[in-house]
Protein backbone atom coordinates (compact mmCIF):
# COMPACT_ATOMS: atom_id res chain seq x y z
CA MET A 1 -50.68 19.11 18.11
CA ARG A 2 -47.86 19.93 15.78
CA ILE A 3 -47.81 23.65 16.88
CA ALA A 4 -47.35 22.42 20.44
CA ARG A 5 -44.35 20.42 19.51
CA LEU A 6 -42.87 23.25 17.60
CA PHE A 7 -43.28 25.58 20.72
CA VAL A 8 -41.63 22.95 22.99
CA ALA A 9 -38.69 22.48 20.63
CA ALA A 10 -38.18 26.24 20.24
CA ALA A 11 -38.13 26.45 24.05
CA LEU A 12 -35.69 23.53 24.60
CA MET A 13 -33.42 25.01 21.89
CA ALA A 14 -33.72 28.57 23.59
CA ALA A 15 -32.81 27.25 27.01
CA ALA A 16 -29.93 25.15 25.56
CA ALA A 17 -28.48 28.16 23.93
CA PRO A 18 -26.68 29.88 26.81
CA SER A 19 -24.65 26.61 27.70
CA LEU A 20 -23.76 26.07 24.06
CA ALA A 21 -22.58 29.85 23.95
CA GLY A 22 -20.20 29.25 27.02
CA ALA A 23 -18.83 26.02 25.51
CA GLN A 24 -15.06 26.04 24.90
CA VAL A 25 -13.51 24.84 21.56
CA GLU A 26 -10.66 22.53 21.74
CA SER A 27 -7.46 24.46 20.05
CA THR A 28 -4.77 21.87 20.74
CA PRO A 29 -3.46 20.60 17.55
CA ILE A 30 -3.83 16.94 16.52
CA PRO A 31 -0.35 15.28 17.28
CA ALA A 32 1.22 14.07 14.03
CA PRO A 33 3.84 11.18 14.24
CA GLY A 34 7.43 12.04 13.17
CA LYS A 35 8.15 11.77 9.60
CA PRO A 36 9.58 8.20 8.62
CA ASN A 37 13.40 7.73 8.35
CA PHE A 38 13.65 6.45 4.73
CA SER A 39 17.31 5.97 4.52
CA ALA A 40 16.95 2.24 4.13
CA MET A 41 14.64 3.11 1.26
CA ASN A 42 16.14 5.94 -0.37
CA PHE A 43 18.06 3.72 -2.92
CA LEU A 44 14.42 3.14 -4.52
CA ILE A 45 14.13 6.78 -5.60
CA GLY A 46 14.15 6.97 -9.24
CA THR A 47 13.10 4.77 -12.22
CA TRP A 48 13.41 0.94 -12.48
CA THR A 49 12.98 -1.67 -15.04
CA CYS A 50 11.73 -5.14 -13.78
CA SER A 51 11.81 -8.51 -15.55
CA THR A 52 9.22 -10.74 -13.62
CA LYS A 53 8.98 -14.35 -14.61
CA SER A 54 5.80 -16.55 -13.25
CA SER A 55 6.36 -20.33 -13.53
CA ARG A 56 3.00 -20.83 -15.25
CA ARG A 57 3.72 -18.05 -18.09
CA PRO A 58 6.07 -18.63 -21.21
CA ALA A 59 7.99 -15.66 -20.73
CA ALA A 60 8.89 -12.93 -18.21
CA TYR A 61 7.13 -9.69 -18.72
CA SER A 62 8.41 -6.11 -18.23
CA THR A 63 7.44 -3.25 -15.71
CA VAL A 64 8.80 0.34 -15.30
CA SER A 65 8.46 1.58 -11.71
CA THR A 66 9.15 5.05 -10.77
CA TYR A 67 9.75 6.04 -7.14
CA THR A 68 9.53 9.51 -5.83
CA MET A 69 9.22 11.01 -2.32
CA ASP A 70 5.87 12.69 -1.90
CA PRO A 71 5.81 16.52 -0.86
CA THR A 72 4.66 16.00 2.51
CA GLY A 73 7.71 13.51 3.63
CA TYR A 74 5.50 10.76 5.02
CA TRP A 75 5.43 8.69 1.65
CA ILE A 76 7.44 7.10 -0.96
CA GLU A 77 5.11 6.66 -3.95
CA GLU A 78 5.70 3.99 -6.72
CA THR A 79 3.80 4.17 -9.97
CA SER A 80 4.35 0.86 -12.08
CA THR A 81 3.37 0.34 -15.64
CA THR A 82 3.14 -3.16 -17.44
CA ASN A 83 2.78 -3.30 -21.03
CA LYS A 84 0.11 -5.55 -22.53
CA THR A 85 1.17 -9.39 -22.88
CA SER A 86 -1.05 -12.27 -24.42
CA TRP A 87 -2.31 -12.87 -21.09
CA SER A 88 -2.93 -9.44 -19.41
CA PRO A 89 -3.85 -5.97 -20.56
CA LYS A 90 -1.58 -2.91 -19.81
CA LEU A 91 -1.53 -2.34 -16.04
CA THR A 92 -0.76 0.82 -14.06
CA ILE A 93 -0.46 0.00 -10.30
CA MET A 94 0.18 2.50 -7.73
CA ASP A 95 1.86 1.93 -4.07
CA LYS A 96 2.76 4.22 -1.13
CA TYR A 97 5.15 3.16 1.42
CA THR A 98 5.55 4.68 4.90
CA TYR A 99 6.39 3.57 8.56
CA ASP A 100 4.12 3.44 11.31
CA PRO A 101 6.28 4.41 14.64
CA ASP A 102 3.29 3.33 16.82
CA THR A 103 3.30 -0.42 15.42
CA HIS A 104 7.08 -0.21 14.64
CA ARG A 105 6.19 -1.55 10.95
CA TRP A 106 6.19 -0.40 7.25
CA ALA A 107 3.12 -0.25 5.28
CA ASP A 108 2.63 -0.79 1.63
CA VAL A 109 -0.84 0.67 0.53
CA THR A 110 -1.61 -0.79 -3.32
CA TYR A 111 -4.08 0.40 -5.58
CA GLY A 112 -4.59 0.24 -9.46
CA ASP A 113 -6.21 -0.78 -12.59
CA GLN A 114 -9.04 -3.50 -12.73
CA GLY A 115 -9.75 -2.96 -9.07
CA THR A 116 -6.30 -3.73 -7.81
CA PHE A 117 -5.85 -3.08 -4.03
CA GLY A 118 -3.69 -4.35 -1.23
CA LEU A 119 -2.35 -3.68 1.98
CA ALA A 120 1.12 -5.20 3.19
CA PHE A 121 3.19 -4.73 6.22
CA SER A 122 6.74 -5.50 7.01
CA SER A 123 8.99 -5.29 10.16
CA GLY A 124 11.51 -3.93 7.88
CA TRP A 125 15.02 -4.67 6.43
CA ASP A 126 17.02 -7.68 7.83
CA GLY A 127 20.46 -7.30 6.46
CA SER A 128 19.76 -6.92 2.45
CA LYS A 129 16.12 -8.33 2.81
CA ILE A 130 12.73 -6.94 3.31
CA ILE A 131 9.75 -9.11 3.56
CA TRP A 132 6.32 -8.11 2.81
CA HIS A 133 2.97 -10.09 4.08
CA ASP A 134 -0.23 -9.03 2.44
CA VAL A 135 -2.95 -8.66 5.22
CA SER A 136 -5.64 -8.08 2.41
CA PHE A 137 -5.21 -11.27 0.91
CA ALA A 138 -8.22 -13.51 0.98
CA PRO A 139 -8.61 -17.04 -0.79
CA GLY A 140 -10.81 -16.89 -3.92
CA PRO A 141 -11.82 -18.72 -7.06
CA ASN A 142 -8.52 -18.70 -8.55
CA VAL A 143 -5.76 -18.62 -5.56
CA THR A 144 -6.08 -20.40 -2.37
CA ALA A 145 -2.70 -19.27 -0.78
CA GLN A 146 -0.04 -16.74 -1.25
CA SER A 147 3.44 -16.48 0.45
CA ASN A 148 4.97 -13.30 1.96
CA VAL A 149 7.12 -11.42 -0.92
CA THR A 150 10.74 -11.19 -0.30
CA ASN A 151 12.50 -8.21 -1.80
CA THR A 152 16.46 -8.52 -1.51
CA LYS A 153 18.66 -5.48 -2.25
CA VAL A 154 21.82 -6.62 -4.47
CA SER A 155 23.08 -3.00 -4.50
CA ASP A 156 21.89 0.59 -4.95
CA GLY A 157 20.83 -0.19 -8.77
CA LYS A 158 19.68 -3.58 -8.36
CA TYR A 159 17.19 -5.88 -6.39
CA THR A 160 15.18 -9.07 -6.64
CA THR A 161 11.87 -10.19 -5.67
CA ALA A 162 10.31 -13.85 -4.76
CA SER A 163 7.03 -15.03 -3.80
CA THR A 164 4.71 -18.08 -4.72
CA PHE A 165 0.96 -18.40 -4.68
CA THR A 166 -1.44 -21.63 -4.96
CA GLU A 167 -3.89 -22.16 -7.69
CA THR A 168 -7.43 -23.13 -6.64
CA LYS A 169 -8.37 -25.76 -9.31
CA THR A 170 -5.00 -27.49 -9.68
CA SER A 171 -3.21 -26.84 -6.23
CA ARG A 172 -0.30 -26.10 -8.15
CA VAL A 173 2.43 -23.72 -6.42
CA VAL A 174 3.46 -20.96 -8.73
CA SER A 175 6.80 -19.09 -8.44
CA VAL A 176 7.16 -15.68 -9.10
CA THR A 177 10.70 -13.76 -9.42
CA GLY A 178 11.96 -10.72 -10.63
CA VAL A 179 14.94 -8.71 -11.27
CA CYS A 180 14.96 -4.89 -11.20
CA THR A 181 17.52 -2.49 -12.33
CA LYS A 182 17.87 1.19 -11.83
CA ARG A 183 17.71 3.12 -15.08
């Protein structure tokens, strides 16, 4: 019985071979979107020192962030390092920013130490402000809600950040503000 199945399979393959040989292979290149216009974001390129204060922590913490343009021209890449504090280990976080012309929005893909990940979108700059909405946020055992993050460009060498989150156990709203200056 097995031999009969093998002969049938071989016959079917032989019959199909001429039609497979005549099949045409598509050679049209995959259409690529145009490269993003980063003119509103170019001021970020370089190294920044940020001082961030959470209302539930005793002191601000410092982060060094370096922004570069990736070789393809489709992304601005950010690497941020926060030194160890009494409440947190040393952390390194990476972000990649791009513009999606189909949805007319900016995207920020985040990943890093201790399983950090995120995906945020923004409709872009409105004057000196850009507001990021984290679409990957889900309430959990420590945080039930979070606000959008607002970045405000003060100058080509300074910007501020502001956001809040709500603690699960206490329902306390915690504010997080930052000031970043270019080196």
